[in-house]
Amino acid sequence: MNRKIDDLGHKRLPVFIILALAILLIFVLISASIREPHPLKPIEGLVVKATAPIFNFFHESVALVSRVWRGYIYLVGVQAENERLKMRAQENLSKEALYQETFLEKERLRQLLEFKNQAALPVTGARIIGFDFSIWFKCAFLDKGANDGIKWGMPVLNAAGVVGRIVEVYPDYAKVLLLIDRASAVDALVQRNRLRGILNGVGASRCFLRYIHKNQDVQVGDVILASGLGGVFPRGMVLGTVTAVDKKVPGLFQEVEVEPAADYTRLEEVLVVKTVQSVLSKP
């Protein structure tokens, strides 16, 4: 055992001796470099020439690692800043959308209020909360009902014109039969020449003015109004505009297509007329 230890010690001895000589050589070179000229200048040159690439390699490696690390830290900071900017942009977009929605709602309510003042009708405002655009019915649902004084048969309007009439009433909700429903029939007249007919819905976003004889004058662009007969819709309320006239269809009457005044694809707020008797009694 002692022999093995002695052998290991003898093997390590040359390593310590070489290390010591290397350190001594470095000190000698340093001390010698102080004097000009010195006899070890050639040896110093050889040592520098041999060791310079190694030091340069380590220097470049350290510099590269430093640059990569600084770049990584920079990119992390940039990414975090981008995330903050994205969140801020999203917040601004949401605020802008909310502001725009509020502005458009106020504009619609302003138009309804202006229409209410012009029509001088006893009305109450309501909001559309749903639609039933099935094959058989074209209806809408309001957020007001019997508790708000809504009754069966009351006409529903907006700033553009007639929307429909109340056909079902619940305590807090009401159902509106839209003008475009097949079951809808309104006594109407042509504003330009006072021709009368019946405006029927056809299930799509349009209506037809029925019972207009082929020799009578109806033109594209004519405005169709509610006549007021029947006591449902106030006289003079706009129903729609003529978009097509066909006198070549079989029978005695021409086919008059009417586009409703109310845009049912953008319907949100409406006015429910609580009575029309006072309006009908006016000349």
C-alpha atoms as a PDB file:
ATOM      1  CA  MET A   1       0.000   0.000   0.000  1.00  0.00           C
ATOM      2  CA  ASN A   2       2.786   2.433   0.904  1.00  0.00           C
ATOM      3  CA  ARG A   3       4.533   1.558  -2.334  1.00  0.00           C
ATOM      4  CA  LYS A   4       1.464   2.546  -4.347  1.00  0.00           C
ATOM      5  CA  ILE A   5       1.273   5.856  -2.554  1.00  0.00           C
ATOM      6  CA  ASP A   6       4.965   6.493  -3.202  1.00  0.00           C
ATOM      7  CA  ASP A   7       4.510   5.661  -6.909  1.00  0.00           C
ATOM      8  CA  LEU A   8       1.563   8.036  -7.176  1.00  0.00           C
ATOM      9  CA  GLY A   9       3.559  10.767  -5.476  1.00  0.00           C
ATOM     10  CA  HIS A  10       6.490  10.241  -7.858  1.00  0.00           C
ATOM     11  CA  LYS A  11       4.128  10.462 -10.855  1.00  0.00           C
ATOM     12  CA  ARG A  12       2.639  13.720  -9.626  1.00  0.00           C
ATOM     13  CA  LEU A  13       6.022  15.269  -8.900  1.00  0.00           C
ATOM     14  CA  PRO A  14       6.958  16.042 -12.533  1.00  0.00           C
ATOM     15  CA  VAL A  15       3.600  17.790 -13.017  1.00  0.00           C
ATOM     16  CA  PHE A  16       4.288  20.134 -10.086  1.00  0.00           C
ATOM     17  CA  ILE A  17       7.783  20.716 -11.298  1.00  0.00           C
ATOM     18  CA  ILE A  18       6.556  21.615 -14.821  1.00  0.00           C
ATOM     19  CA  LEU A  19       3.933  23.955 -13.384  1.00  0.00           C
ATOM     20  CA  ALA A  20       6.480  25.633 -11.160  1.00  0.00           C
ATOM     21  CA  LEU A  21       8.907  26.071 -14.051  1.00  0.00           C
ATOM     22  CA  ALA A  22       6.113  27.569 -16.178  1.00  0.00           C
ATOM     23  CA  ILE A  23       5.264  30.068 -13.470  1.00  0.00           C
ATOM     24  CA  LEU A  24       8.941  30.893 -13.014  1.00  0.00           C
ATOM     25  CA  LEU A  25       9.319  31.372 -16.763  1.00  0.00           C
ATOM     26  CA  ILE A  26       6.395  33.790 -16.792  1.00  0.00           C
ATOM     27  CA  PHE A  27       7.908  35.854 -13.968  1.00  0.00           C
ATOM     28  CA  VAL A  28      11.255  35.864 -15.697  1.00  0.00           C
ATOM     29  CA  LEU A  29       9.675  37.046 -18.925  1.00  0.00           C
ATOM     30  CA  ILE A  30       7.719  39.751 -17.106  1.00  0.00           C
ATOM     31  CA  SER A  31      10.764  40.981 -15.251  1.00  0.00           C
ATOM     32  CA  ALA A  32      12.870  40.749 -18.362  1.00  0.00           C
ATOM     33  CA  SER A  33      10.375  42.730 -20.379  1.00  0.00           C
ATOM     34  CA  ILE A  34      10.934  45.664 -18.091  1.00  0.00           C
ATOM     35  CA  ARG A  35      14.421  46.119 -19.459  1.00  0.00           C
ATOM     36  CA  GLU A  36      15.029  47.162 -23.041  1.00  0.00           C
ATOM     37  CA  PRO A  37      16.596  45.313 -24.707  1.00  0.00           C
ATOM     38  CA  HIS A  38      16.681  41.991 -22.895  1.00  0.00           C
ATOM     39  CA  PRO A  39      18.232  38.650 -23.904  1.00  0.00           C
ATOM     40  CA  LEU A  40      14.990  36.686 -23.634  1.00  0.00           C
ATOM     41  CA  LYS A  41      13.199  38.803 -26.196  1.00  0.00           C
ATOM     42  CA  PRO A  42      13.211  36.017 -28.821  1.00  0.00           C
ATOM     43  CA  ILE A  43      11.827  33.490 -26.334  1.00  0.00           C
ATOM     44  CA  GLU A  44       9.151  35.983 -25.291  1.00  0.00           C
ATOM     45  CA  GLY A  45       8.182  36.405 -28.906  1.00  0.00           C
ATOM     46  CA  LEU A  46       7.854  32.661 -29.362  1.00  0.00           C
ATOM     47  CA  VAL A  47       5.746  32.347 -26.204  1.00  0.00           C
ATOM     48  CA  VAL A  48       3.503  35.228 -27.228  1.00  0.00           C
ATOM     49  CA  LYS A  49       3.189  33.836 -30.729  1.00  0.00           C
ATOM     50  CA  ALA A  50       2.228  30.431 -29.362  1.00  0.00           C
ATOM     51  CA  THR A  51      -0.190  31.646 -26.705  1.00  0.00           C
ATOM     52  CA  ALA A  52      -1.787  34.634 -28.518  1.00  0.00           C
ATOM     53  CA  PRO A  53      -4.194  32.532 -30.640  1.00  0.00           C
ATOM     54  CA  ILE A  54      -5.331  30.716 -27.510  1.00  0.00           C
ATOM     55  CA  PHE A  55      -5.961  33.972 -25.615  1.00  0.00           C
ATOM     56  CA  ASN A  56      -7.621  35.460 -28.701  1.00  0.00           C
ATOM     57  CA  PHE A  57      -9.897  32.407 -28.999  1.00  0.00           C
ATOM     58  CA  PHE A  58     -10.953  32.677 -25.360  1.00  0.00           C
ATOM     59  CA  HIS A  59     -11.430  36.437 -25.709  1.00  0.00           C
ATOM     60  CA  GLU A  60     -13.616  36.047 -28.804  1.00  0.00           C
ATOM     61  CA  SER A  61     -15.587  33.237 -27.146  1.00  0.00           C
ATOM     62  CA  VAL A  62     -16.243  35.334 -24.070  1.00  0.00           C
ATOM     63  CA  ALA A  63     -17.216  38.304 -26.251  1.00  0.00           C
ATOM     64  CA  LEU A  64     -19.529  36.110 -28.328  1.00  0.00           C
ATOM     65  CA  VAL A  65     -21.193  34.677 -25.246  1.00  0.00           C
ATOM     66  CA  SER A  66     -21.560  38.194 -23.865  1.00  0.00           C
ATOM     67  CA  ARG A  67     -23.130  39.453 -27.088  1.00  0.00           C
ATOM     68  CA  VAL A  68     -25.489  36.465 -27.266  1.00  0.00           C
ATOM     69  CA  TRP A  69     -26.489  36.948 -23.644  1.00  0.00           C
ATOM     70  CA  ARG A  70     -27.079  40.675 -24.109  1.00  0.00           C
ATOM     71  CA  GLY A  71     -29.056  39.906 -27.285  1.00  0.00           C
ATOM     72  CA  TYR A  72     -31.150  37.344 -25.452  1.00  0.00           C
ATOM     73  CA  ILE A  73     -31.872  39.755 -22.616  1.00  0.00           C
ATOM     74  CA  TYR A  74     -32.730  42.425 -25.203  1.00  0.00           C
ATOM     75  CA  LEU A  75     -35.063  40.105 -27.094  1.00  0.00           C
ATOM     76  CA  VAL A  76     -36.762  39.079 -23.868  1.00  0.00           C
ATOM     77  CA  GLY A  77     -37.292  42.738 -23.079  1.00  0.00           C
ATOM     78  CA  VAL A  78     -38.554  43.466 -26.586  1.00  0.00           C
ATOM     79  CA  GLN A  79     -40.948  40.515 -26.431  1.00  0.00           C
ATOM     80  CA  ALA A  80     -42.299  41.669 -23.088  1.00  0.00           C
ATOM     81  CA  GLU A  81     -42.708  45.194 -24.456  1.00  0.00           C
ATOM     82  CA  ASN A  82     -44.505  43.818 -27.519  1.00  0.00           C
ATOM     83  CA  GLU A  83     -46.891  41.895 -25.292  1.00  0.00           C
ATOM     84  CA  ARG A  84     -47.612  45.043 -23.289  1.00  0.00           C
ATOM     85  CA  LEU A  85     -48.193  47.005 -26.498  1.00  0.00           C
ATOM     86  CA  LYS A  86     -50.495  44.281 -27.851  1.00  0.00           C
ATOM     87  CA  MET A  87     -52.520  44.283 -24.641  1.00  0.00           C
ATOM     88  CA  ARG A  88     -52.739  48.075 -24.726  1.00  0.00           C
ATOM     89  CA  ALA A  89     -53.784  48.020 -28.383  1.00  0.00           C
ATOM     90  CA  GLN A  90     -56.450  45.411 -27.609  1.00  0.00           C
ATOM     91  CA  GLU A  91     -57.738  47.504 -24.731  1.00  0.00           C
ATOM     92  CA  ASN A  92     -57.862  50.579 -26.982  1.00  0.00           C
ATOM     93  CA  LEU A  93     -59.670  48.562 -29.660  1.00  0.00           C
ATOM     94  CA  SER A  94     -62.243  47.356 -27.124  1.00  0.00           C
ATOM     95  CA  LYS A  95     -62.727  50.884 -25.828  1.00  0.00           C
ATOM     96  CA  GLU A  96     -63.113  52.193 -29.380  1.00  0.00           C
ATOM     97  CA  ALA A  97     -65.678  49.492 -30.210  1.00  0.00           C
ATOM     98  CA  LEU A  98     -67.605  50.284 -27.017  1.00  0.00           C
ATOM     99  CA  TYR A  99     -67.472  53.996 -27.778  1.00  0.00           C
ATOM    100  CA  GLN A 100     -68.662  53.397 -31.347  1.00  0.00           C
ATOM    101  CA  GLU A 101     -71.492  51.147 -30.165  1.00  0.00           C
ATOM    102  CA  THR A 102     -72.572  53.739 -27.596  1.00  0.00           C
ATOM    103  CA  PHE A 103     -72.432  56.475 -30.223  1.00  0.00           C
ATOM    104  CA  LEU A 104     -74.539  54.464 -32.701  1.00  0.00           C
ATOM    105  CA  GLU A 105     -77.082  53.585 -30.013  1.00  0.00           C
ATOM    106  CA  LYS A 106     -77.409  57.233 -29.027  1.00  0.00           C
ATOM    107  CA  GLU A 107     -77.865  58.139 -32.687  1.00  0.00           C
ATOM    108  CA  ARG A 108     -80.661  55.562 -33.095  1.00  0.00           C
ATOM    109  CA  LEU A 109     -82.352  56.760 -29.914  1.00  0.00           C
ATOM    110  CA  ARG A 110     -82.032  60.352 -31.092  1.00  0.00           C
ATOM    111  CA  GLN A 111     -83.766  59.455 -34.349  1.00  0.00           C
ATOM    112  CA  LEU A 112     -86.528  57.643 -32.465  1.00  0.00           C
ATOM    113  CA  LEU A 113     -87.014  60.616 -30.155  1.00  0.00           C
ATOM    114  CA  GLU A 114     -87.144  62.973 -33.123  1.00  0.00           C
ATOM    115  CA  PHE A 115     -89.684  60.724 -34.830  1.00  0.00           C
ATOM    116  CA  LYS A 116     -91.721  60.541 -31.628  1.00  0.00           C
ATOM    117  CA  ASN A 117     -91.830  64.333 -31.349  1.00  0.00           C
ATOM    118  CA  GLN A 118     -92.801  64.757 -34.991  1.00  0.00           C
ATOM    119  CA  ALA A 119     -95.503  62.088 -34.934  1.00  0.00           C
ATOM    120  CA  ALA A 120     -96.919  63.260 -31.599  1.00  0.00           C
ATOM    121  CA  LEU A 121     -98.059  59.737 -30.781  1.00  0.00           C
ATOM    122  CA  PRO A 122     -98.510  58.153 -27.340  1.00  0.00           C
ATOM    123  CA  VAL A 123     -95.634  55.686 -27.566  1.00  0.00           C
ATOM    124  CA  THR A 124     -93.268  53.728 -25.363  1.00  0.00           C
ATOM    125  CA  GLY A 125     -89.788  52.619 -26.309  1.00  0.00           C
ATOM    126  CA  ALA A 126     -88.778  48.960 -26.403  1.00  0.00           C
ATOM    127  CA  ARG A 127     -85.782  46.911 -27.424  1.00  0.00           C
ATOM    128  CA  ILE A 128     -85.717  43.899 -29.742  1.00  0.00           C
ATOM    129  CA  ILE A 129     -84.411  40.888 -27.801  1.00  0.00           C
ATOM    130  CA  GLY A 130     -84.927  38.167 -30.393  1.00  0.00           C
ATOM    131  CA  PHE A 131     -86.305  37.119 -33.754  1.00  0.00           C
ATOM    132  CA  ASP A 132     -88.292  34.182 -35.060  1.00  0.00           C
ATOM    133  CA  PHE A 133     -87.353  33.962 -38.720  1.00  0.00           C
ATOM    134  CA  SER A 134     -88.724  30.479 -39.272  1.00  0.00           C
ATOM    135  CA  ILE A 135     -90.288  29.213 -42.474  1.00  0.00           C
ATOM    136  CA  TRP A 136     -93.821  30.007 -41.291  1.00  0.00           C
ATOM    137  CA  PHE A 137     -93.422  33.153 -39.204  1.00  0.00           C
ATOM    138  CA  LYS A 138     -91.442  36.395 -39.278  1.00  0.00           C
ATOM    139  CA  CYS A 139     -91.710  37.733 -35.741  1.00  0.00           C
ATOM    140  CA  ALA A 140     -89.698  39.690 -33.201  1.00  0.00           C
ATOM    141  CA  PHE A 141     -89.758  39.764 -29.398  1.00  0.00           C
ATOM    142  CA  LEU A 142     -89.718  42.920 -27.268  1.00  0.00           C
ATOM    143  CA  ASP A 143     -88.366  43.417 -23.759  1.00  0.00           C
ATOM    144  CA  LYS A 144     -91.675  44.970 -22.617  1.00  0.00           C
ATOM    145  CA  GLY A 145     -95.076  43.414 -22.032  1.00  0.00           C
ATOM    146  CA  ALA A 146     -98.357  43.718 -20.152  1.00  0.00           C
ATOM    147  CA  ASN A 147     -96.631  45.154 -17.072  1.00  0.00           C
ATOM    148  CA  ASP A 148     -95.530  48.068 -19.254  1.00  0.00           C
ATOM    149  CA  GLY A 149     -98.985  48.685 -20.733  1.00  0.00           C
ATOM    150  CA  ILE A 150     -98.405  46.739 -23.960  1.00  0.00           C
ATOM    151  CA  LYS A 151    -101.596  45.241 -25.467  1.00  0.00           C
ATOM    152  CA  TRP A 152    -102.576  43.052 -28.374  1.00  0.00           C
ATOM    153  CA  GLY A 153    -102.887  44.840 -31.723  1.00  0.00           C
ATOM    154  CA  MET A 154    -100.689  47.834 -30.895  1.00  0.00           C
ATOM    155  CA  PRO A 155     -98.605  48.989 -33.877  1.00  0.00           C
ATOM    156  CA  VAL A 156     -94.806  48.913 -33.670  1.00  0.00           C
ATOM    157  CA  LEU A 157     -92.754  51.580 -35.462  1.00  0.00           C
ATOM    158  CA  ASN A 158     -89.248  52.898 -35.794  1.00  0.00           C
ATOM    159  CA  ALA A 159     -87.834  56.089 -37.281  1.00  0.00           C
ATOM    160  CA  ALA A 160     -87.999  54.617 -40.803  1.00  0.00           C
ATOM    161  CA  GLY A 161     -91.635  53.530 -40.675  1.00  0.00           C
ATOM    162  CA  VAL A 162     -93.928  50.641 -39.753  1.00  0.00           C
ATOM    163  CA  VAL A 163     -92.300  47.515 -38.263  1.00  0.00           C
ATOM    164  CA  GLY A 164     -95.354  45.377 -37.412  1.00  0.00           C
ATOM    165  CA  ARG A 165     -98.009  44.902 -34.722  1.00  0.00           C
ATOM    166  CA  ILE A 166     -98.294  43.168 -31.355  1.00  0.00           C
ATOM    167  CA  VAL A 167     -99.868  39.692 -31.635  1.00  0.00           C
ATOM    168  CA  GLU A 168     -98.964  38.131 -28.270  1.00  0.00           C
ATOM    169  CA  VAL A 169     -98.463  39.739 -24.857  1.00  0.00           C
ATOM    170  CA  TYR A 170     -96.768  38.335 -21.747  1.00  0.00           C
ATOM    171  CA  PRO A 171     -96.089  40.049 -18.412  1.00  0.00           C
ATOM    172  CA  ASP A 172     -92.605  41.219 -19.383  1.00  0.00           C
ATOM    173  CA  TYR A 173     -92.394  40.414 -23.102  1.00  0.00           C
ATOM    174  CA  ALA A 174     -94.387  40.870 -26.287  1.00  0.00           C
ATOM    175  CA  LYS A 175     -94.381  39.268 -29.728  1.00  0.00           C
ATOM    176  CA  VAL A 176     -94.470  41.392 -32.887  1.00  0.00           C
ATOM    177  CA  LEU A 177     -95.801  40.128 -36.210  1.00  0.00           C
ATOM    178  CA  LEU A 178     -93.507  41.814 -38.731  1.00  0.00           C
ATOM    179  CA  LEU A 179     -94.765  43.522 -41.857  1.00  0.00           C
ATOM    180  CA  ILE A 180     -92.993  40.908 -44.026  1.00  0.00           C
ATOM    181  CA  ASP A 181     -94.866  37.966 -42.485  1.00  0.00           C
ATOM    182  CA  ARG A 182     -97.310  36.166 -44.792  1.00  0.00           C
ATOM    183  CA  ALA A 183    -100.081  36.744 -42.254  1.00  0.00           C
ATOM    184  CA  SER A 184     -99.540  40.503 -42.355  1.00  0.00           C
ATOM    185  CA  ALA A 185    -102.061  42.575 -44.352  1.00  0.00           C
ATOM    186  CA  VAL A 186    -102.236  46.364 -44.164  1.00  0.00           C
ATOM    187  CA  ASP A 187    -104.609  48.728 -45.957  1.00  0.00           C
ATOM    188  CA  ALA A 188    -102.229  50.972 -47.896  1.00  0.00           C
ATOM    189  CA  LEU A 189    -102.148  53.759 -50.474  1.00  0.00           C
ATOM    190  CA  VAL A 190     -99.681  55.178 -52.985  1.00  0.00           C
ATOM    191  CA  GLN A 191     -98.552  58.572 -51.704  1.00  0.00           C
ATOM    192  CA  ARG A 192     -98.190  60.132 -55.178  1.00  0.00           C
ATOM    193  CA  ASN A 193    -101.696  59.465 -56.542  1.00  0.00           C
ATOM    194  CA  ARG A 194    -103.597  58.001 -53.532  1.00  0.00           C
ATOM    195  CA  LEU A 195    -104.220  54.622 -55.160  1.00  0.00           C
ATOM    196  CA  ARG A 196    -105.307  52.070 -52.561  1.00  0.00           C
ATOM    197  CA  GLY A 197    -104.385  48.434 -52.145  1.00  0.00           C
ATOM    198  CA  ILE A 198    -103.522  45.803 -49.554  1.00  0.00           C
ATOM    199  CA  LEU A 199     -99.880  45.381 -48.573  1.00  0.00           C
ATOM    200  CA  ASN A 200     -99.079  41.705 -47.912  1.00  0.00           C
ATOM    201  CA  GLY A 201     -95.863  40.164 -46.628  1.00  0.00           C
ATOM    202  CA  VAL A 202     -94.370  37.314 -48.650  1.00  0.00           C
ATOM    203  CA  GLY A 203     -92.065  35.777 -46.069  1.00  0.00           C
ATOM    204  CA  ALA A 204     -88.855  37.319 -47.380  1.00  0.00           C
ATOM    205  CA  SER A 205     -87.623  40.859 -46.770  1.00  0.00           C
ATOM    206  CA  ARG A 206     -90.274  42.272 -49.111  1.00  0.00           C
ATOM    207  CA  CYS A 207     -93.993  42.776 -49.591  1.00  0.00           C
ATOM    208  CA  PHE A 208     -96.480  43.064 -52.451  1.00  0.00           C
ATOM    209  CA  LEU A 209     -99.141  45.711 -52.950  1.00  0.00           C
ATOM    210  CA  ARG A 210    -102.201  43.711 -54.047  1.00  0.00           C
ATOM    211  CA  TYR A 211    -105.329  44.615 -56.017  1.00  0.00           C
ATOM    212  CA  ILE A 212    -103.861  47.411 -58.147  1.00  0.00           C
ATOM    213  CA  HIS A 213    -105.521  47.256 -61.594  1.00  0.00           C
ATOM    214  CA  LYS A 214    -103.215  47.064 -64.611  1.00  0.00           C
ATOM    215  CA  ASN A 215    -104.519  50.348 -66.039  1.00  0.00           C
ATOM    216  CA  GLN A 216    -103.604  52.219 -62.839  1.00  0.00           C
ATOM    217  CA  ASP A 217    -100.353  54.190 -62.553  1.00  0.00           C
ATOM    218  CA  VAL A 218     -97.799  52.775 -60.096  1.00  0.00           C
ATOM    219  CA  GLN A 219     -94.095  53.449 -60.623  1.00  0.00           C
ATOM    220  CA  VAL A 220     -90.827  52.291 -59.147  1.00  0.00           C
ATOM    221  CA  GLY A 221     -89.873  54.668 -56.345  1.00  0.00           C
ATOM    222  CA  ASP A 222     -93.449  55.405 -55.242  1.00  0.00           C
ATOM    223  CA  VAL A 223     -93.808  55.613 -51.462  1.00  0.00           C
ATOM    224  CA  ILE A 224     -96.465  53.388 -49.894  1.00  0.00           C
ATOM    225  CA  LEU A 225     -98.238  54.680 -46.781  1.00  0.00           C
ATOM    226  CA  ALA A 226    -100.659  53.244 -44.230  1.00  0.00           C
ATOM    227  CA  SER A 227    -104.164  54.471 -45.044  1.00  0.00           C
ATOM    228  CA  GLY A 228    -105.272  54.378 -41.421  1.00  0.00           C
ATOM    229  CA  LEU A 229    -108.322  52.257 -42.217  1.00  0.00           C
ATOM    230  CA  GLY A 230    -108.922  49.366 -39.891  1.00  0.00           C
ATOM    231  CA  GLY A 231    -107.678  51.209 -36.825  1.00  0.00           C
ATOM    232  CA  VAL A 232    -104.340  49.374 -36.648  1.00  0.00           C
ATOM    233  CA  PHE A 233    -101.638  51.613 -38.087  1.00  0.00           C
ATOM    234  CA  PRO A 234    -101.647  55.405 -37.885  1.00  0.00           C
ATOM    235  CA  ARG A 235    -102.558  57.110 -41.138  1.00  0.00           C
ATOM    236  CA  GLY A 236     -99.589  58.373 -43.115  1.00  0.00           C
ATOM    237  CA  MET A 237     -97.012  56.017 -41.570  1.00  0.00           C
ATOM    238  CA  VAL A 238     -94.490  54.868 -44.173  1.00  0.00           C
ATOM    239  CA  LEU A 239     -94.771  51.206 -45.119  1.00  0.00           C
ATOM    240  CA  GLY A 240     -92.183  50.983 -47.882  1.00  0.00           C
ATOM    241  CA  THR A 241     -91.114  51.902 -51.408  1.00  0.00           C
ATOM    242  CA  VAL A 242     -92.033  50.318 -54.747  1.00  0.00           C
ATOM    243  CA  THR A 243     -89.046  48.455 -56.202  1.00  0.00           C
ATOM    244  CA  ALA A 244     -90.640  46.625 -59.160  1.00  0.00           C
ATOM    245  CA  VAL A 245     -93.836  46.733 -61.239  1.00  0.00           C
ATOM    246  CA  ASP A 246     -94.957  43.885 -63.527  1.00  0.00           C
ATOM    247  CA  LYS A 247     -98.098  44.315 -65.655  1.00  0.00           C
ATOM    248  CA  LYS A 248     -97.492  41.192 -67.735  1.00  0.00           C
ATOM    249  CA  VAL A 249     -98.592  38.752 -65.065  1.00  0.00           C
ATOM    250  CA  PRO A 250    -101.882  36.872 -65.701  1.00  0.00           C
ATOM    251  CA  GLY A 251    -105.087  38.387 -64.330  1.00  0.00           C
ATOM    252  CA  LEU A 252    -106.568  41.818 -63.838  1.00  0.00           C
ATOM    253  CA  PHE A 253    -104.038  43.170 -61.366  1.00  0.00           C
ATOM    254  CA  GLN A 254    -100.431  44.146 -61.760  1.00  0.00           C
ATOM    255  CA  GLU A 255     -97.722  42.829 -59.460  1.00  0.00           C
ATOM    256  CA  VAL A 256     -96.204  45.594 -57.356  1.00  0.00           C
ATOM    257  CA  GLU A 257     -93.184  44.688 -55.247  1.00  0.00           C
ATOM    258  CA  VAL A 258     -92.490  46.837 -52.188  1.00  0.00           C
ATOM    259  CA  GLU A 259     -89.376  47.039 -50.057  1.00  0.00           C
ATOM    260  CA  PRO A 260     -90.346  47.680 -46.395  1.00  0.00           C
ATOM    261  CA  ALA A 261     -89.190  50.948 -44.886  1.00  0.00           C
ATOM    262  CA  ALA A 262     -87.859  49.190 -41.780  1.00  0.00           C
ATOM    263  CA  ASP A 263     -84.565  47.355 -42.206  1.00  0.00           C
ATOM    264  CA  TYR A 264     -85.196  44.111 -40.334  1.00  0.00           C
ATOM    265  CA  THR A 265     -81.535  43.117 -40.491  1.00  0.00           C
ATOM    266  CA  ARG A 266     -80.612  46.142 -38.333  1.00  0.00           C
ATOM    267  CA  LEU A 267     -83.645  46.433 -36.100  1.00  0.00           C
ATOM    268  CA  GLU A 268     -82.773  47.052 -32.432  1.00  0.00           C
ATOM    269  CA  GLU A 269     -84.968  49.749 -30.844  1.00  0.00           C
ATOM    270  CA  VAL A 270     -88.640  50.407 -31.646  1.00  0.00           C
ATOM    271  CA  LEU A 271     -91.636  52.438 -30.506  1.00  0.00           C
ATOM    272  CA  VAL A 272     -94.940  50.831 -29.538  1.00  0.00           C
ATOM    273  CA  VAL A 273     -97.956  53.054 -30.196  1.00  0.00           C
ATOM    274  CA  LYS A 274    -100.301  52.628 -27.232  1.00  0.00           C
ATOM    275  CA  THR A 275    -103.345  53.945 -29.096  1.00  0.00           C
ATOM    276  CA  VAL A 276    -104.178  55.154 -32.585  1.00  0.00           C
ATOM    277  CA  GLN A 277    -107.806  56.253 -32.145  1.00  0.00           C
ATOM    278  CA  SER A 278    -106.900  59.903 -31.580  1.00  0.00           C
ATOM    279  CA  VAL A 279    -104.747  59.854 -34.699  1.00  0.00           C
ATOM    280  CA  LEU A 280    -107.461  58.250 -36.824  1.00  0.00           C
ATOM    281  CA  SER A 281    -109.954  60.930 -35.775  1.00  0.00           C
ATOM    282  CA  LYS A 282    -107.765  63.689 -37.198  1.00  0.00           C
ATOM    283  CA  PRO A 283    -108.629  65.020 -40.679  1.00  0.00           C
END
